[in-house]
Amino acid sequence: MIGIGYDSHRFADGHKLVLGGVEIDHPQGLEGHSDADVVTHAVIDAILGAGGSGDIGTLFPPEEAQWRGADSIDLLRTAIGTIAGRVVNVDVSVICEAPKLAPHKAAMEALLGEVTSARVSVKATTNEGMGWIGRGEGIACIAVAQIDDD
């Protein structure tokens, strides 16, 4: 079974930048209800989609105070516990102008791979200066996950 996930968050002062569970040194972080980890949020939606288990907003409603500031890696662990089968593969594309993610991709792959017990590939690209991402206003991520239900 295959699922796709998407998430985006805007940059904001006073927040730390966490992507794929890895804290990255950057002047701004992402604004959101939890830690605003767009990579892990997209992975969660992809896994939930593959498992036919809804989406991140249904499992972790933003209006519930218990999820405020939550560590998205912990949310991922919880989401995996709701699906039947095992995650086999996760493919992630992060879209941002900055920061450069090449130095952080291996750490993201390792952490996400450990949590999902799956192969994980993290890729990064820019938006070639176009639109809100191109203006450096935030980061978006698309993820695809495969689950084996055997």
C-alpha atoms as a PDB file:
ATOM      1  CA  MET A   1       0.000   0.000   0.000  1.00  0.00           C
ATOM      2  CA  ILE A   2       1.232   3.479  -0.873  1.00  0.00           C
ATOM      3  CA  GLY A   3       0.471   6.833   0.759  1.00  0.00           C
ATOM      4  CA  ILE A   4       1.466  10.407   0.039  1.00  0.00           C
ATOM      5  CA  GLY A   5       1.903  13.240   2.513  1.00  0.00           C
ATOM      6  CA  TYR A   6       2.422  16.980   2.210  1.00  0.00           C
ATOM      7  CA  ASP A   7       3.114  19.686   4.746  1.00  0.00           C
ATOM      8  CA  SER A   8       4.303  23.280   4.756  1.00  0.00           C
ATOM      9  CA  HIS A   9       5.080  25.824   7.447  1.00  0.00           C
ATOM     10  CA  ARG A  10       6.202  29.443   7.398  1.00  0.00           C
ATOM     11  CA  PHE A  11       9.399  30.683   8.985  1.00  0.00           C
ATOM     12  CA  ALA A  12       9.083  32.602  12.257  1.00  0.00           C
ATOM     13  CA  ASP A  13      11.450  34.218  14.696  1.00  0.00           C
ATOM     14  CA  GLY A  14      11.847  32.625  18.097  1.00  0.00           C
ATOM     15  CA  HIS A  15      11.411  29.030  16.921  1.00  0.00           C
ATOM     16  CA  LYS A  16      13.995  26.314  16.434  1.00  0.00           C
ATOM     17  CA  LEU A  17      14.249  24.630  13.039  1.00  0.00           C
ATOM     18  CA  VAL A  18      13.618  20.886  13.203  1.00  0.00           C
ATOM     19  CA  LEU A  19      13.494  18.811  10.018  1.00  0.00           C
ATOM     20  CA  GLY A  20      13.193  15.040  10.051  1.00  0.00           C
ATOM     21  CA  GLY A  21      13.778  15.148  13.798  1.00  0.00           C
ATOM     22  CA  VAL A  22      17.138  16.905  13.359  1.00  0.00           C
ATOM     23  CA  GLU A  23      17.657  20.366  14.821  1.00  0.00           C
ATOM     24  CA  ILE A  24      19.317  22.605  12.222  1.00  0.00           C
ATOM     25  CA  ASP A  25      21.104  25.854  12.973  1.00  0.00           C
ATOM     26  CA  HIS A  26      19.158  28.588  11.174  1.00  0.00           C
ATOM     27  CA  PRO A  27      18.153  32.157  12.129  1.00  0.00           C
ATOM     28  CA  GLN A  28      14.461  31.217  12.049  1.00  0.00           C
ATOM     29  CA  GLY A  29      12.448  28.127  12.773  1.00  0.00           C
ATOM     30  CA  LEU A  30       9.064  27.038  11.523  1.00  0.00           C
ATOM     31  CA  GLU A  31       5.799  28.142  13.087  1.00  0.00           C
ATOM     32  CA  GLY A  32       3.234  25.512  13.993  1.00  0.00           C
ATOM     33  CA  HIS A  33       1.222  23.877  16.738  1.00  0.00           C
ATOM     34  CA  SER A  34       3.800  21.174  17.460  1.00  0.00           C
ATOM     35  CA  ASP A  35       7.502  21.573  16.643  1.00  0.00           C
ATOM     36  CA  ALA A  36       6.452  22.311  13.014  1.00  0.00           C
ATOM     37  CA  ASP A  37       8.736  19.600  11.591  1.00  0.00           C
ATOM     38  CA  VAL A  38       7.428  19.627   8.002  1.00  0.00           C
ATOM     39  CA  VAL A  39       9.471  16.571   7.038  1.00  0.00           C
ATOM     40  CA  THR A  40       8.157  14.359   9.808  1.00  0.00           C
ATOM     41  CA  HIS A  41       4.613  15.693   9.355  1.00  0.00           C
ATOM     42  CA  ALA A  42       4.665  14.771   5.660  1.00  0.00           C
ATOM     43  CA  VAL A  43       6.033  11.317   6.543  1.00  0.00           C
ATOM     44  CA  ILE A  44       3.265  10.824   9.119  1.00  0.00           C
ATOM     45  CA  ASP A  45       0.585  11.718   6.560  1.00  0.00           C
ATOM     46  CA  ALA A  46       2.160   9.399   3.976  1.00  0.00           C
ATOM     47  CA  ILE A  47       2.227   6.488   6.439  1.00  0.00           C
ATOM     48  CA  LEU A  48      -1.297   7.152   7.676  1.00  0.00           C
ATOM     49  CA  GLY A  49      -2.489   7.387   4.075  1.00  0.00           C
ATOM     50  CA  ALA A  50      -0.845   4.100   3.135  1.00  0.00           C
ATOM     51  CA  GLY A  51      -2.450   2.476   6.160  1.00  0.00           C
ATOM     52  CA  GLY A  52      -5.883   3.958   5.453  1.00  0.00           C
ATOM     53  CA  SER A  53      -5.716   5.634   8.870  1.00  0.00           C
ATOM     54  CA  GLY A  54      -6.712   9.215   8.114  1.00  0.00           C
ATOM     55  CA  ASP A  55      -4.315  12.120   8.478  1.00  0.00           C
ATOM     56  CA  ILE A  56      -2.145  13.907  11.020  1.00  0.00           C
ATOM     57  CA  GLY A  57      -4.828  16.476  11.858  1.00  0.00           C
ATOM     58  CA  THR A  58      -7.337  13.756  12.706  1.00  0.00           C
ATOM     59  CA  LEU A  59      -4.905  11.742  14.836  1.00  0.00           C
ATOM     60  CA  PHE A  60      -3.380  14.814  16.536  1.00  0.00           C
ATOM     61  CA  PRO A  61      -5.997  17.606  16.395  1.00  0.00           C
ATOM     62  CA  PRO A  62      -4.325  21.027  16.603  1.00  0.00           C
ATOM     63  CA  GLU A  63      -7.056  22.324  18.903  1.00  0.00           C
ATOM     64  CA  GLU A  64      -5.975  19.823  21.575  1.00  0.00           C
ATOM     65  CA  ALA A  65      -3.489  21.451  23.955  1.00  0.00           C
ATOM     66  CA  GLN A  66      -1.623  18.180  24.578  1.00  0.00           C
ATOM     67  CA  TRP A  67      -0.066  18.414  21.101  1.00  0.00           C
ATOM     68  CA  ARG A  68       1.226  22.007  21.565  1.00  0.00           C
ATOM     69  CA  GLY A  69       5.000  21.916  21.105  1.00  0.00           C
ATOM     70  CA  ALA A  70       4.989  18.130  20.633  1.00  0.00           C
ATOM     71  CA  ASP A  71       8.084  16.389  19.310  1.00  0.00           C
ATOM     72  CA  SER A  72       7.057  15.209  15.839  1.00  0.00           C
ATOM     73  CA  ILE A  73       9.263  12.117  16.093  1.00  0.00           C
ATOM     74  CA  ASP A  74       7.103  11.032  19.053  1.00  0.00           C
ATOM     75  CA  LEU A  75       4.012  11.719  16.922  1.00  0.00           C
ATOM     76  CA  LEU A  76       5.516   9.533  14.175  1.00  0.00           C
ATOM     77  CA  ARG A  77       6.032   6.677  16.635  1.00  0.00           C
ATOM     78  CA  THR A  78       2.391   6.972  17.708  1.00  0.00           C
ATOM     79  CA  ALA A  79       1.164   7.099  14.098  1.00  0.00           C
ATOM     80  CA  ILE A  80       3.108   3.951  13.194  1.00  0.00           C
ATOM     81  CA  GLY A  81       1.370   2.184  16.061  1.00  0.00           C
ATOM     82  CA  THR A  82      -2.015   2.810  14.444  1.00  0.00           C
ATOM     83  CA  ILE A  83      -1.328   0.994  11.164  1.00  0.00           C
ATOM     84  CA  ALA A  84      -1.395  -2.676  10.249  1.00  0.00           C
ATOM     85  CA  GLY A  85       1.691  -3.946   8.479  1.00  0.00           C
ATOM     86  CA  ARG A  86       5.193  -2.567   8.392  1.00  0.00           C
ATOM     87  CA  VAL A  87       6.644   0.485   6.712  1.00  0.00           C
ATOM     88  CA  VAL A  88       8.960  -0.679   3.911  1.00  0.00           C
ATOM     89  CA  ASN A  89      10.098   2.529   2.229  1.00  0.00           C
ATOM     90  CA  VAL A  90       9.793   6.280   2.728  1.00  0.00           C
ATOM     91  CA  ASP A  91      10.788   8.813   0.061  1.00  0.00           C
ATOM     92  CA  VAL A  92      10.951  12.481   1.036  1.00  0.00           C
ATOM     93  CA  SER A  93      11.411  15.673  -1.021  1.00  0.00           C
ATOM     94  CA  VAL A  94      12.044  18.871   0.948  1.00  0.00           C
ATOM     95  CA  ILE A  95      11.499  22.155  -0.905  1.00  0.00           C
ATOM     96  CA  CYS A  96      13.266  25.241   0.446  1.00  0.00           C
ATOM     97  CA  GLU A  97      15.700  27.957  -0.529  1.00  0.00           C
ATOM     98  CA  ALA A  98      17.535  27.864   2.806  1.00  0.00           C
ATOM     99  CA  PRO A  99      19.061  26.320   4.761  1.00  0.00           C
ATOM    100  CA  LYS A 100      21.137  23.991   2.624  1.00  0.00           C
ATOM    101  CA  LEU A 101      20.132  20.489   3.666  1.00  0.00           C
ATOM    102  CA  ALA A 102      22.966  18.385   2.192  1.00  0.00           C
ATOM    103  CA  PRO A 103      24.892  18.329   5.509  1.00  0.00           C
ATOM    104  CA  HIS A 104      21.759  17.118   7.370  1.00  0.00           C
ATOM    105  CA  LYS A 105      20.191  14.563   5.015  1.00  0.00           C
ATOM    106  CA  ALA A 106      22.095  11.540   6.354  1.00  0.00           C
ATOM    107  CA  ALA A 107      21.075  12.345   9.954  1.00  0.00           C
ATOM    108  CA  MET A 108      17.435  12.750   8.897  1.00  0.00           C
ATOM    109  CA  GLU A 109      17.521   9.467   6.969  1.00  0.00           C
ATOM    110  CA  ALA A 110      19.098   7.654   9.909  1.00  0.00           C
ATOM    111  CA  LEU A 111      16.619   8.948  12.495  1.00  0.00           C
ATOM    112  CA  LEU A 112      13.526   8.485  10.328  1.00  0.00           C
ATOM    113  CA  GLY A 113      14.801   5.048   9.286  1.00  0.00           C
ATOM    114  CA  GLU A 114      15.292   4.038  12.910  1.00  0.00           C
ATOM    115  CA  VAL A 115      11.794   5.169  13.897  1.00  0.00           C
ATOM    116  CA  THR A 116      10.029   3.634  10.879  1.00  0.00           C
ATOM    117  CA  SER A 117      12.272   0.534  10.561  1.00  0.00           C
ATOM    118  CA  ALA A 118      12.281   1.289   6.834  1.00  0.00           C
ATOM    119  CA  ARG A 119      14.537   2.523   4.065  1.00  0.00           C
ATOM    120  CA  VAL A 120      14.331   6.306   3.998  1.00  0.00           C
ATOM    121  CA  SER A 121      15.557   8.642   1.297  1.00  0.00           C
ATOM    122  CA  VAL A 122      15.627  12.398   1.886  1.00  0.00           C
ATOM    123  CA  LYS A 123      16.105  14.697  -1.075  1.00  0.00           C
ATOM    124  CA  ALA A 124      16.212  18.482  -1.142  1.00  0.00           C
ATOM    125  CA  THR A 125      15.459  20.973  -3.871  1.00  0.00           C
ATOM    126  CA  THR A 126      14.760  24.662  -4.218  1.00  0.00           C
ATOM    127  CA  ASN A 127      11.784  26.392  -5.788  1.00  0.00           C
ATOM    128  CA  GLU A 128      14.136  28.340  -8.082  1.00  0.00           C
ATOM    129  CA  GLY A 129      13.160  31.615  -6.425  1.00  0.00           C
ATOM    130  CA  MET A 130       9.478  31.265  -7.341  1.00  0.00           C
ATOM    131  CA  GLY A 131       6.517  31.813  -5.007  1.00  0.00           C
ATOM    132  CA  TRP A 132       6.457  31.889  -1.217  1.00  0.00           C
ATOM    133  CA  ILE A 133       9.069  29.145  -0.918  1.00  0.00           C
ATOM    134  CA  GLY A 134      11.297  30.926  -3.417  1.00  0.00           C
ATOM    135  CA  ARG A 135      11.032  34.129  -1.392  1.00  0.00           C
ATOM    136  CA  GLY A 136      12.311  32.208   1.637  1.00  0.00           C
ATOM    137  CA  GLU A 137       9.058  32.465   3.575  1.00  0.00           C
ATOM    138  CA  GLY A 138       8.933  28.800   4.586  1.00  0.00           C
ATOM    139  CA  ILE A 139       9.526  25.165   3.775  1.00  0.00           C
ATOM    140  CA  ALA A 140       7.341  22.492   2.173  1.00  0.00           C
ATOM    141  CA  CYS A 141       7.758  18.739   2.023  1.00  0.00           C
ATOM    142  CA  ILE A 142       6.256  15.871   0.055  1.00  0.00           C
ATOM    143  CA  ALA A 143       6.635  12.271   1.266  1.00  0.00           C
ATOM    144  CA  VAL A 144       5.609   8.888  -0.090  1.00  0.00           C
ATOM    145  CA  ALA A 145       5.465   5.775   2.076  1.00  0.00           C
ATOM    146  CA  GLN A 146       5.034   2.117   1.239  1.00  0.00           C
ATOM    147  CA  ILE A 147       3.543  -0.334   3.732  1.00  0.00           C
ATOM    148  CA  ASP A 148       3.700  -4.116   3.398  1.00  0.00           C
ATOM    149  CA  ASP A 149       0.642  -5.708   4.983  1.00  0.00           C
ATOM    150  CA  ASP A 150       1.851  -9.316   4.708  1.00  0.00           C
END
